[in-house]
Amino acid sequence: MKLNTFRIKSLPLNKKISDGLGLNLTLTSRTNGRWTYRYTFDGKAKEMGLGSFPELSIVDARNLALEKRSIKASGVDPIFEKNTLKRHEKEKAQRRFSQVTAEYIDDTKSTWKNQKHAQQWYNSLRDYAFPILDEVPFHKITTEHVRRVLKPIWDIKSETASRVQQRISRVMGYGISLEYYVGSNVADWKTKISFIFKRPYKSQKHFPSLHYKKLPEFYAELSKIETTTTRALRFLILTVARTSEVTLLQSDELDFEQNIWTIPEARMKAKKEHRVPLSYEAIRLLGIPHNLHNYKYVFAGGSPDKHLSNNAMGKFIRDHFRHLKCTVHGFRATFRNWAAETGNYDQNMVEFALAHQLPTRSQAAYLRSDLFEKRIILMEDWAKFVTKKL
């Protein structure tokens, strides 16, 4: 029979009474009882609790029973579904920001160029974010929690605070994608944090560079020292490439018929394959007997399967040319200044030689060429300047 408020008042105690479609009510006293749902799954009779009466009304109990019938109709045991949900709720209550951070780093660290980056990521969040964000389950983190993390360091450690904010935002975004968190990203700069803190001022970092007029003398002195490090540094200067692009150079990237070095996109900062025209001096340098070997890397390190350390060239300059106060990366600025002041070179061509992207989208849209043919002349001119007789 269908139950109603009047009938429930007259039901016998401790006796299961059916409301139909598997829904049952058992009164344990004149004012209290329990709802259950009885069903058959895989040929076995089963019964599960739905909730207490009168906290769960007749209407709500019927709707819940219909929901369980629908689950059963889809081929899932309602009790199994309920237990799974309980397990998920337990995991949800136990999950903390530090745990999700570890998952994120583990899933993404293979895409980072520098594997030390993973440890730096973890350490910064461990030191500043975990103590506060781990106070609550991950799904209950709010912007207020993030504010508490950032407030003590925003003005006194601006760069660190900015990095921590960005990293918290990445982890929160990762958690949202895995449905660990429902809602918007509470650490997002544009929609959340920018309304609380002003963006820290960052002075543009310039790497100390050598004036181009001093470069020929430096290169001549460098050429007197025959080591893997000095040859790598000379090649870097001639190609205006970045340190890791040179140290990780492998022979299959070199085309000696066309005199082209093709750097794979995975090694490029812009994640785009880059072609470098090789000057005659660069080709000659690559042909030095010391570089003709079967090692994995052209500029090999301490063993055949290792490349030259990324710190080797910088250390060499500090040890032998400390008075010049220049850096390895600074030679790219030297090249740019030379191109701007000594020749009528197309600025876009210079930017392409440095593997820079064009500054605006409209420029990139209209200029589809990488000006490679013109860059052949540019790099040959550069090599002739670098190696000119003093």
Protein backbone atom coordinates (compact mmCIF):
# COMPACT_ATOMS: atom_id res chain seq x y z
CA MET A 1 0.00 0.00 0.00
CA LYS A 2 1.08 3.57 -0.57
CA LEU A 3 2.07 5.26 2.63
CA ASN A 4 1.01 8.69 3.83
CA THR A 5 1.37 10.64 7.05
CA PHE A 6 -1.94 9.35 8.45
CA ARG A 7 -1.19 5.67 7.72
CA ILE A 8 2.35 5.89 9.12
CA LYS A 9 0.97 6.93 12.50
CA SER A 10 -0.96 3.66 12.74
CA LEU A 11 1.74 1.27 11.47
CA PRO A 12 2.88 -1.56 13.77
CA LEU A 13 6.29 -1.13 15.35
CA ASN A 14 9.35 -3.08 14.16
CA LYS A 15 7.54 -4.40 11.11
CA LYS A 16 8.68 -3.71 7.57
CA ILE A 17 5.89 -2.07 5.55
CA SER A 18 6.15 -1.70 1.78
CA ASP A 19 5.43 1.54 -0.03
CA GLY A 20 5.87 -0.18 -3.39
CA LEU A 21 8.69 -0.45 -5.96
CA GLY A 22 11.07 -1.83 -3.33
CA LEU A 23 10.73 1.03 -0.82
CA ASN A 24 10.05 -0.05 2.78
CA LEU A 25 9.55 1.70 6.12
CA THR A 26 10.12 0.12 9.54
CA LEU A 27 8.95 2.12 12.55
CA THR A 28 11.15 1.75 15.62
CA SER A 29 8.93 4.05 17.70
CA ARG A 30 5.80 6.12 17.20
CA THR A 31 7.87 9.02 15.90
CA ASN A 32 10.94 7.41 14.32
CA GLY A 33 11.80 4.76 11.77
CA ARG A 34 14.12 3.81 8.93
CA TRP A 35 13.73 3.60 5.15
CA THR A 36 15.20 0.71 3.15
CA TYR A 37 15.28 -0.28 -0.48
CA ARG A 38 14.92 -3.96 -1.36
CA TYR A 39 15.93 -5.28 -4.77
CA THR A 40 17.36 -8.26 -6.63
CA PHE A 41 20.74 -8.10 -8.37
CA ASP A 42 22.42 -10.99 -10.18
CA GLY A 43 19.72 -13.30 -8.80
CA LYS A 44 20.40 -12.31 -5.17
CA ALA A 45 17.98 -10.46 -2.91
CA LYS A 46 19.57 -7.37 -1.34
CA GLU A 47 18.47 -4.54 0.91
CA MET A 48 20.12 -1.20 1.64
CA GLY A 49 19.40 1.62 4.03
CA LEU A 50 18.24 4.93 2.62
CA GLY A 51 17.92 7.07 5.73
CA SER A 52 15.92 7.82 8.88
CA PHE A 53 12.27 8.79 9.19
CA PRO A 54 11.06 11.54 9.58
CA GLU A 55 14.35 13.27 8.63
CA LEU A 56 13.89 11.69 5.21
CA SER A 57 10.33 12.48 4.11
CA ILE A 58 8.08 10.17 2.14
CA VAL A 59 8.62 12.16 -1.05
CA ASP A 60 12.40 12.21 -0.65
CA ALA A 61 12.49 8.50 0.20
CA ARG A 62 10.52 7.68 -2.95
CA ASN A 63 12.82 9.82 -5.09
CA LEU A 64 15.87 8.14 -3.57
CA ALA A 65 14.39 4.70 -4.22
CA LEU A 66 13.75 5.68 -7.84
CA GLU A 67 17.35 6.80 -8.11
CA LYS A 68 18.55 3.41 -6.86
CA ARG A 69 16.22 1.64 -9.31
CA SER A 70 17.77 3.70 -12.11
CA ILE A 71 21.30 2.73 -10.99
CA LYS A 72 20.29 -0.92 -10.90
CA ALA A 73 18.73 -0.62 -14.38
CA SER A 74 22.08 0.64 -15.70
CA GLY A 75 23.73 -2.61 -14.58
CA VAL A 76 25.34 -1.35 -11.38
CA ASP A 77 24.64 -2.76 -7.94
CA PRO A 78 23.27 0.17 -5.85
CA ILE A 79 25.10 -1.07 -2.74
CA PHE A 80 28.39 -1.25 -4.65
CA GLU A 81 27.75 2.26 -5.98
CA LYS A 82 27.02 3.50 -2.47
CA ASN A 83 30.18 1.92 -1.04
CA THR A 84 32.24 3.34 -3.91
CA LEU A 85 30.82 6.78 -3.22
CA LYS A 86 31.67 6.43 0.47
CA ARG A 87 35.22 5.45 -0.42
CA HIS A 88 35.54 8.43 -2.73
CA GLU A 89 34.18 10.74 -0.04
CA LYS A 90 36.71 9.34 2.41
CA GLU A 91 39.55 9.85 -0.08
CA LYS A 92 38.23 13.34 -0.75
CA ALA A 93 38.27 14.18 2.95
CA GLN A 94 41.83 12.89 3.31
CA ARG A 95 43.31 14.41 0.13
CA ARG A 96 45.60 17.37 0.80
CA PHE A 97 47.29 20.01 -1.35
CA SER A 98 50.73 18.47 -0.76
CA GLN A 99 49.49 15.14 -2.15
CA VAL A 100 48.08 16.76 -5.30
CA THR A 101 51.33 18.72 -5.71
CA ALA A 102 53.34 15.49 -5.68
CA GLU A 103 50.96 13.99 -8.28
CA TYR A 104 51.24 17.07 -10.50
CA ILE A 105 55.04 17.11 -10.40
CA ASP A 106 55.22 13.39 -11.10
CA ASP A 107 52.91 13.75 -14.11
CA THR A 108 54.63 16.80 -15.63
CA LYS A 109 58.32 16.69 -14.67
CA SER A 110 59.26 14.72 -17.81
CA THR A 111 58.31 17.79 -19.88
CA TRP A 112 60.59 20.13 -17.93
CA LYS A 113 63.98 20.86 -19.46
CA ASN A 114 65.76 21.01 -16.12
CA GLN A 115 64.98 18.10 -13.81
CA LYS A 116 66.16 20.17 -10.83
CA HIS A 117 63.07 22.26 -11.49
CA ALA A 118 60.89 19.55 -9.93
CA GLN A 119 62.73 19.76 -6.63
CA GLN A 120 62.62 23.57 -6.68
CA TRP A 121 58.88 23.43 -7.30
CA TYR A 122 58.27 21.05 -4.43
CA ASN A 123 60.56 22.87 -1.99
CA SER A 124 58.93 26.26 -2.54
CA LEU A 125 55.43 24.89 -1.99
CA ARG A 126 56.59 22.78 0.94
CA ASP A 127 58.08 25.81 2.65
CA TYR A 128 55.29 28.31 2.03
CA ALA A 129 52.05 26.62 0.91
CA PHE A 130 51.75 23.21 2.58
CA PRO A 131 51.57 24.48 6.21
CA ILE A 132 48.41 26.49 5.42
CA LEU A 133 46.78 24.74 2.47
CA ASP A 134 47.08 21.31 4.11
CA GLU A 135 44.95 22.52 7.03
CA VAL A 136 41.83 21.57 5.05
CA PRO A 137 41.00 18.92 2.44
CA PHE A 138 42.02 19.91 -1.08
CA HIS A 139 38.41 20.42 -2.20
CA LYS A 140 37.83 22.96 0.57
CA ILE A 141 40.74 25.30 -0.22
CA THR A 142 39.59 28.90 -0.70
CA THR A 143 41.17 32.09 -1.96
CA GLU A 144 41.46 33.14 1.69
CA HIS A 145 43.80 30.20 2.31
CA VAL A 146 45.92 31.29 -0.66
CA ARG A 147 45.93 34.88 0.64
CA ARG A 148 47.27 33.64 3.97
CA VAL A 149 50.11 31.86 2.16
CA LEU A 150 51.13 34.89 0.11
CA LYS A 151 50.56 37.82 2.47
CA PRO A 152 53.69 37.32 4.66
CA ILE A 153 56.05 37.19 1.67
CA TRP A 154 54.37 39.31 -1.02
CA ASP A 155 56.28 42.53 -0.26
CA ILE A 156 59.52 41.19 1.20
CA LYS A 157 60.08 38.22 -1.13
CA SER A 158 58.23 39.39 -4.22
CA GLU A 159 59.79 37.05 -6.76
CA THR A 160 59.36 34.01 -4.52
CA ALA A 161 55.76 35.01 -3.74
CA SER A 162 54.95 35.37 -7.43
CA ARG A 163 56.38 31.93 -8.19
CA VAL A 164 54.50 30.35 -5.28
CA GLN A 165 51.24 31.93 -6.50
CA GLN A 166 51.78 30.62 -10.02
CA ARG A 167 52.65 27.16 -8.76
CA ILE A 168 49.65 26.98 -6.44
CA SER A 169 47.48 28.00 -9.40
CA ARG A 170 48.99 25.23 -11.56
CA VAL A 171 48.33 22.60 -8.88
CA MET A 172 44.76 23.85 -8.36
CA GLY A 173 44.15 23.75 -12.11
CA TYR A 174 45.52 20.21 -12.21
CA GLY A 175 43.20 19.21 -9.35
CA ILE A 176 40.21 20.75 -11.13
CA SER A 177 41.02 18.76 -14.29
CA LEU A 178 41.03 15.54 -12.25
CA GLU A 179 37.76 16.55 -10.53
CA TYR A 180 39.46 16.73 -7.15
CA TYR A 181 38.07 20.25 -6.92
CA VAL A 182 34.78 21.70 -8.18
CA GLY A 183 34.68 25.38 -9.05
CA SER A 184 36.97 28.09 -10.37
CA ASN A 185 40.69 28.23 -9.67
CA VAL A 186 41.03 30.00 -6.31
CA ALA A 187 44.68 30.89 -6.99
CA ASP A 188 44.25 32.29 -10.49
CA TRP A 189 45.99 35.66 -10.81
CA LYS A 190 43.60 37.38 -13.21
CA THR A 191 40.28 36.39 -11.64
CA LYS A 192 41.26 36.11 -7.96
CA ILE A 193 44.67 37.13 -6.66
CA SER A 194 45.05 40.37 -8.65
CA PHE A 195 42.18 41.84 -6.62
CA ILE A 196 44.09 41.16 -3.39
CA PHE A 197 47.71 41.92 -4.26
CA LYS A 198 49.40 44.23 -6.72
CA ARG A 199 51.70 42.50 -9.16
CA PRO A 200 55.26 42.66 -7.79
CA TYR A 201 57.58 44.95 -9.72
CA LYS A 202 60.21 42.98 -11.57
CA SER A 203 63.22 44.72 -12.93
CA GLN A 204 64.25 43.31 -16.28
CA LYS A 205 67.25 41.05 -15.92
CA HIS A 206 70.06 41.73 -18.35
CA PHE A 207 72.95 39.34 -18.65
CA PRO A 208 76.32 41.13 -18.58
CA SER A 209 77.67 41.18 -22.11
CA LEU A 210 80.93 41.98 -23.86
CA HIS A 211 81.00 45.04 -26.12
CA TYR A 212 81.19 43.87 -29.70
CA LYS A 213 84.37 45.89 -30.34
CA LYS A 214 86.17 43.72 -27.77
CA LEU A 215 84.86 40.43 -29.18
CA PRO A 216 87.49 39.79 -31.92
CA GLU A 217 90.31 40.09 -29.36
CA PHE A 218 88.43 37.81 -26.94
CA TYR A 219 87.77 35.25 -29.69
CA ALA A 220 91.42 35.30 -30.74
CA GLU A 221 92.53 34.61 -27.17
CA LEU A 222 89.89 31.91 -26.86
CA SER A 223 91.16 30.21 -30.04
CA LYS A 224 94.59 29.74 -28.48
CA ILE A 225 93.14 27.33 -25.90
CA GLU A 226 92.14 23.98 -27.36
CA THR A 227 89.60 22.24 -25.12
CA THR A 228 86.08 20.96 -25.61
CA THR A 229 84.82 23.86 -23.49
CA THR A 230 86.55 26.55 -25.56
CA ARG A 231 85.45 24.99 -28.85
CA ALA A 232 81.86 24.85 -27.59
CA LEU A 233 82.08 28.49 -26.51
CA ARG A 234 83.44 29.55 -29.90
CA PHE A 235 80.66 27.63 -31.65
CA LEU A 236 78.09 29.29 -29.37
CA ILE A 237 79.44 32.74 -30.23
CA LEU A 238 79.41 32.00 -33.98
CA THR A 239 75.84 30.65 -33.94
CA VAL A 240 74.45 32.97 -31.19
CA ALA A 241 72.72 29.92 -29.74
CA ARG A 242 71.78 29.29 -26.12
CA THR A 243 73.98 27.22 -23.81
CA SER A 244 71.86 24.05 -23.68
CA GLU A 245 71.29 24.17 -27.45
CA VAL A 246 75.06 23.89 -27.91
CA THR A 247 75.92 21.43 -25.14
CA LEU A 248 73.20 19.02 -26.30
CA LEU A 249 74.21 19.23 -29.98
CA GLN A 250 74.24 15.81 -31.69
CA SER A 251 75.82 15.06 -35.06
CA ASP A 252 72.54 14.08 -36.73
CA GLU A 253 71.37 17.69 -36.33
CA LEU A 254 74.13 18.86 -38.69
CA ASP A 255 73.77 18.96 -42.47
CA PHE A 256 77.25 19.51 -43.90
CA GLU A 257 75.98 19.52 -47.50
CA GLN A 258 73.68 22.49 -46.89
CA ASN A 259 75.67 23.89 -43.94
CA ILE A 260 72.63 23.92 -41.67
CA TRP A 261 72.21 23.08 -38.00
CA THR A 262 68.61 22.12 -37.20
CA ILE A 263 67.77 22.31 -33.51
CA PRO A 264 64.76 20.14 -32.55
CA GLU A 265 61.73 21.93 -31.12
CA ALA A 266 62.09 20.03 -27.82
CA ARG A 267 65.33 21.91 -27.13
CA MET A 268 64.07 25.33 -28.13
CA LYS A 269 62.69 27.85 -25.67
CA ALA A 270 59.84 28.68 -28.07
CA LYS A 271 59.15 24.96 -28.66
CA LYS A 272 59.65 25.48 -32.40
CA GLU A 273 62.30 23.88 -34.62
CA HIS A 274 65.09 26.33 -35.44
CA ARG A 275 67.46 26.30 -38.41
CA VAL A 276 70.88 27.92 -38.03
CA PRO A 277 72.98 28.78 -41.12
CA LEU A 278 76.52 27.64 -40.40
CA SER A 279 79.28 30.03 -41.42
CA TYR A 280 82.53 28.74 -42.89
CA GLU A 281 84.22 29.38 -39.56
CA ALA A 282 81.56 27.32 -37.72
CA ILE A 283 81.99 24.48 -40.23
CA ARG A 284 85.76 24.65 -39.83
CA LEU A 285 85.38 24.54 -36.06
CA LEU A 286 83.16 21.45 -36.28
CA GLY A 287 85.76 19.78 -38.47
CA ILE A 288 88.54 20.05 -35.89
CA PRO A 289 89.81 16.49 -35.26
CA HIS A 290 88.86 16.68 -31.59
CA ASN A 291 85.23 16.98 -32.62
CA LEU A 292 85.27 14.05 -35.06
CA HIS A 293 84.24 11.18 -32.83
CA ASN A 294 81.41 8.70 -32.38
CA TYR A 295 80.21 10.04 -29.06
CA LYS A 296 76.56 10.84 -28.55
CA TYR A 297 77.18 14.58 -28.22
CA VAL A 298 79.46 16.69 -30.41
CA PHE A 299 80.76 18.51 -27.35
CA ALA A 300 81.14 15.51 -25.10
CA GLY A 301 81.51 15.60 -21.35
CA GLY A 302 83.52 13.35 -19.07
CA SER A 303 82.26 10.14 -20.73
CA PRO A 304 81.08 9.20 -24.24
CA ASP A 305 77.39 9.25 -23.31
CA LYS A 306 77.45 12.61 -21.47
CA HIS A 307 77.40 16.13 -22.84
CA LEU A 308 79.51 19.07 -21.75
CA SER A 309 78.20 20.56 -18.51
CA ASN A 310 75.97 23.61 -18.95
CA ASN A 311 78.16 25.37 -16.40
CA ALA A 312 81.47 24.62 -18.12
CA MET A 313 81.59 27.63 -20.45
CA GLY A 314 80.52 30.07 -17.75
CA LYS A 315 83.10 28.71 -15.34
CA PHE A 316 85.80 29.00 -18.01
CA ILE A 317 85.01 32.70 -18.54
CA ARG A 318 84.99 33.37 -14.80
CA ASP A 319 88.31 31.57 -14.33
CA HIS A 320 90.19 32.98 -17.34
CA PHE A 321 88.48 36.29 -18.23
CA ARG A 322 87.03 37.51 -14.95
CA HIS A 323 88.10 41.07 -15.74
CA LEU A 324 85.67 41.18 -18.69
CA LYS A 325 82.63 40.67 -16.43
CA CYS A 326 80.55 39.02 -19.16
CA THR A 327 78.35 35.92 -19.28
CA VAL A 328 77.84 33.18 -21.86
CA HIS A 329 74.27 34.26 -22.54
CA GLY A 330 75.49 37.83 -22.92
CA PHE A 331 77.11 37.04 -26.29
CA ARG A 332 73.60 37.05 -27.77
CA ALA A 333 73.28 40.70 -26.70
CA THR A 334 76.73 41.35 -28.16
CA PHE A 335 75.50 40.02 -31.50
CA ARG A 336 72.31 42.05 -31.39
CA ASN A 337 74.19 45.29 -30.63
CA TRP A 338 76.69 44.56 -33.39
CA ALA A 339 73.87 43.98 -35.92
CA ALA A 340 72.09 47.17 -34.86
CA GLU A 341 75.12 49.44 -34.93
CA THR A 342 77.36 48.17 -37.71
CA GLY A 343 75.10 46.97 -40.52
CA ASN A 344 71.84 47.72 -42.24
CA TYR A 345 70.28 44.44 -41.18
CA ASP A 346 66.54 43.75 -41.08
CA GLN A 347 65.48 43.71 -37.42
CA ASN A 348 63.20 40.71 -37.97
CA MET A 349 66.12 38.82 -39.47
CA VAL A 350 68.19 39.51 -36.34
CA GLU A 351 65.33 38.31 -34.12
CA PHE A 352 65.03 35.10 -36.15
CA ALA A 353 68.79 34.55 -35.84
CA LEU A 354 68.34 34.69 -32.05
CA ALA A 355 65.37 32.27 -32.31
CA HIS A 356 63.05 34.94 -30.91
CA GLN A 357 59.37 35.11 -31.78
CA LEU A 358 58.09 38.30 -33.42
CA PRO A 359 56.80 40.77 -30.83
CA THR A 360 53.24 41.03 -32.17
CA ARG A 361 50.73 38.59 -33.58
CA SER A 362 50.10 40.77 -36.61
CA GLN A 363 53.78 40.67 -37.54
CA ALA A 364 53.82 36.88 -37.17
CA ALA A 365 50.64 36.60 -39.27
CA TYR A 366 52.03 38.57 -42.20
CA LEU A 367 55.64 37.40 -42.06
CA ARG A 368 55.55 33.64 -42.63
CA SER A 369 59.20 33.30 -43.74
CA ASP A 370 62.08 32.81 -41.29
CA LEU A 371 64.32 34.83 -43.68
CA PHE A 372 66.76 31.94 -43.80
CA GLU A 373 68.51 32.93 -47.04
CA LYS A 374 69.18 36.41 -45.69
CA ARG A 375 70.38 34.94 -42.41
CA ILE A 376 73.08 33.01 -44.29
CA ILE A 377 74.66 36.35 -45.22
CA LEU A 378 74.11 37.74 -41.71
CA MET A 379 75.84 34.83 -39.98
CA GLU A 380 78.74 34.87 -42.44
CA ASP A 381 79.21 38.61 -41.81
CA TRP A 382 79.11 37.95 -38.07
CA ALA A 383 81.72 35.19 -38.30
CA LYS A 384 84.02 37.40 -40.38
CA PHE A 385 83.72 40.17 -37.79
CA VAL A 386 84.38 37.81 -34.87
CA THR A 387 87.47 36.32 -36.50
CA LYS A 388 88.86 39.47 -38.12
CA LYS A 389 92.53 40.28 -37.69
CA LEU A 390 93.21 42.86 -35.04
